[in-house]
Amino acid sequence: MDPKQIAKQMVAFNKTAFDNNFRAMQALQEQTERMVNKFWEKSPIFPDEGKKAIADWMEAYKKGCEDLKSAVDENFKKVEDFFKEAK
């Protein structure tokens, strides 16, 4: 088998593996966020400043995840383009 074809298949496999793992982590994070939000809504002891800090933290985490996903997708695209040009 052609080494370039093997490399293309390895890249495709790794991209699929990353995408699947990223979606699973994202689903877990969303479920955890819903659970934490329900807990904080019902907690009269927790101050509003603390709730805002946690909300800001969750938004920063989401933004970081989106940035990571964009960077990884961009780099996978570069690798795929490299192999397209290397025919």
C-alpha atoms as a PDB file:
ATOM      1  CA  MET A   1       0.000   0.000   0.000  1.00  0.00           C
ATOM      2  CA  ASP A   2       1.161   3.522  -0.765  1.00  0.00           C
ATOM      3  CA  PRO A   3       2.688   5.304   2.292  1.00  0.00           C
ATOM      4  CA  LYS A   4       0.814   8.512   1.410  1.00  0.00           C
ATOM      5  CA  GLN A   5      -2.477   6.627   1.461  1.00  0.00           C
ATOM      6  CA  ILE A   6      -1.597   5.140   4.845  1.00  0.00           C
ATOM      7  CA  ALA A   7      -0.765   8.598   6.187  1.00  0.00           C
ATOM      8  CA  LYS A   8      -4.070   9.994   4.848  1.00  0.00           C
ATOM      9  CA  GLN A   9      -5.977   7.183   6.556  1.00  0.00           C
ATOM     10  CA  MET A  10      -4.109   7.799   9.815  1.00  0.00           C
ATOM     11  CA  VAL A  11      -4.973  11.507   9.680  1.00  0.00           C
ATOM     12  CA  ALA A  12      -8.633  10.722   8.943  1.00  0.00           C
ATOM     13  CA  PHE A  13      -8.738   8.220  11.809  1.00  0.00           C
ATOM     14  CA  ASN A  14      -7.169  10.691  14.236  1.00  0.00           C
ATOM     15  CA  LYS A  15      -9.543  13.461  13.158  1.00  0.00           C
ATOM     16  CA  THR A  16     -12.533  11.180  13.678  1.00  0.00           C
ATOM     17  CA  ALA A  17     -11.210  10.061  17.060  1.00  0.00           C
ATOM     18  CA  PHE A  18     -10.643  13.675  18.136  1.00  0.00           C
ATOM     19  CA  ASP A  19     -14.088  14.785  16.949  1.00  0.00           C
ATOM     20  CA  ASN A  20     -15.816  11.914  18.765  1.00  0.00           C
ATOM     21  CA  ASN A  21     -13.892  12.488  21.989  1.00  0.00           C
ATOM     22  CA  PHE A  22     -14.460  16.231  21.814  1.00  0.00           C
ATOM     23  CA  ARG A  23     -18.225  15.753  21.385  1.00  0.00           C
ATOM     24  CA  ALA A  24     -18.290  13.318  24.336  1.00  0.00           C
ATOM     25  CA  MET A  25     -16.381  15.764  26.544  1.00  0.00           C
ATOM     26  CA  GLN A  26     -18.663  18.572  25.429  1.00  0.00           C
ATOM     27  CA  ALA A  27     -21.772  16.546  26.300  1.00  0.00           C
ATOM     28  CA  LEU A  28     -20.324  15.697  29.711  1.00  0.00           C
ATOM     29  CA  GLN A  29     -19.496  19.355  30.348  1.00  0.00           C
ATOM     30  CA  GLU A  30     -22.994  20.477  29.349  1.00  0.00           C
ATOM     31  CA  GLN A  31     -24.607  17.885  31.600  1.00  0.00           C
ATOM     32  CA  THR A  32     -22.359  18.880  34.496  1.00  0.00           C
ATOM     33  CA  GLU A  33     -23.120  22.549  33.883  1.00  0.00           C
ATOM     34  CA  ARG A  34     -26.876  21.891  34.033  1.00  0.00           C
ATOM     35  CA  MET A  35     -26.451  19.924  37.261  1.00  0.00           C
ATOM     36  CA  VAL A  36     -24.282  22.623  38.868  1.00  0.00           C
ATOM     37  CA  ASN A  37     -26.702  25.365  37.791  1.00  0.00           C
ATOM     38  CA  LYS A  38     -29.634  23.511  39.374  1.00  0.00           C
ATOM     39  CA  PHE A  39     -27.630  23.126  42.579  1.00  0.00           C
ATOM     40  CA  TRP A  40     -26.655  26.809  42.730  1.00  0.00           C
ATOM     41  CA  GLU A  41     -30.202  27.968  41.960  1.00  0.00           C
ATOM     42  CA  LYS A  42     -31.510  26.072  44.971  1.00  0.00           C
ATOM     43  CA  SER A  43     -28.681  27.104  47.324  1.00  0.00           C
ATOM     44  CA  PRO A  44     -29.640  30.178  49.357  1.00  0.00           C
ATOM     45  CA  ILE A  45     -26.251  30.123  51.098  1.00  0.00           C
ATOM     46  CA  PHE A  46     -24.158  30.689  47.966  1.00  0.00           C
ATOM     47  CA  PRO A  47     -23.764  34.448  47.244  1.00  0.00           C
ATOM     48  CA  ASP A  48     -24.629  36.044  43.920  1.00  0.00           C
ATOM     49  CA  GLU A  49     -20.981  37.043  43.402  1.00  0.00           C
ATOM     50  CA  GLY A  50     -20.007  33.371  43.628  1.00  0.00           C
ATOM     51  CA  LYS A  51     -22.709  32.390  41.156  1.00  0.00           C
ATOM     52  CA  LYS A  52     -21.471  35.058  38.741  1.00  0.00           C
ATOM     53  CA  ALA A  53     -17.870  33.892  39.157  1.00  0.00           C
ATOM     54  CA  ILE A  54     -18.859  30.317  38.319  1.00  0.00           C
ATOM     55  CA  ALA A  55     -20.922  31.475  35.324  1.00  0.00           C
ATOM     56  CA  ASP A  56     -17.944  33.506  34.063  1.00  0.00           C
ATOM     57  CA  TRP A  57     -15.671  30.518  34.599  1.00  0.00           C
ATOM     58  CA  MET A  58     -18.005  28.265  32.593  1.00  0.00           C
ATOM     59  CA  GLU A  59     -18.157  30.803  29.758  1.00  0.00           C
ATOM     60  CA  ALA A  60     -14.353  31.060  29.707  1.00  0.00           C
ATOM     61  CA  TYR A  61     -14.154  27.254  29.580  1.00  0.00           C
ATOM     62  CA  LYS A  62     -16.601  27.119  26.654  1.00  0.00           C
ATOM     63  CA  LYS A  63     -14.634  29.799  24.795  1.00  0.00           C
ATOM     64  CA  GLY A  64     -11.413  27.860  25.386  1.00  0.00           C
ATOM     65  CA  CYS A  65     -13.027  24.675  24.064  1.00  0.00           C
ATOM     66  CA  GLU A  66     -14.263  26.479  20.957  1.00  0.00           C
ATOM     67  CA  ASP A  67     -10.791  27.934  20.369  1.00  0.00           C
ATOM     68  CA  LEU A  68      -9.194  24.505  20.801  1.00  0.00           C
ATOM     69  CA  LYS A  69     -11.662  22.904  18.386  1.00  0.00           C
ATOM     70  CA  SER A  70     -11.047  25.635  15.808  1.00  0.00           C
ATOM     71  CA  ALA A  71      -7.266  25.298  16.094  1.00  0.00           C
ATOM     72  CA  VAL A  72      -7.363  21.508  15.808  1.00  0.00           C
ATOM     73  CA  ASP A  73      -9.749  21.614  12.836  1.00  0.00           C
ATOM     74  CA  GLU A  74      -7.543  24.180  11.114  1.00  0.00           C
ATOM     75  CA  ASN A  75      -4.442  22.054  11.630  1.00  0.00           C
ATOM     76  CA  PHE A  76      -6.160  18.883  10.416  1.00  0.00           C
ATOM     77  CA  LYS A  77      -7.193  20.850   7.315  1.00  0.00           C
ATOM     78  CA  LYS A  78      -3.561  21.903   6.762  1.00  0.00           C
ATOM     79  CA  VAL A  79      -2.383  18.299   7.020  1.00  0.00           C
ATOM     80  CA  GLU A  80      -5.110  17.108   4.632  1.00  0.00           C
ATOM     81  CA  ASP A  81      -4.170  19.851   2.155  1.00  0.00           C
ATOM     82  CA  PHE A  82      -0.513  18.849   2.428  1.00  0.00           C
ATOM     83  CA  PHE A  83      -1.340  15.283   1.433  1.00  0.00           C
ATOM     84  CA  LYS A  84      -3.578  16.467  -1.414  1.00  0.00           C
ATOM     85  CA  GLU A  85      -0.680  18.478  -2.835  1.00  0.00           C
ATOM     86  CA  ALA A  86       1.801  15.627  -2.350  1.00  0.00           C
ATOM     87  CA  LYS A  87       0.190  13.372  -4.966  1.00  0.00           C
END
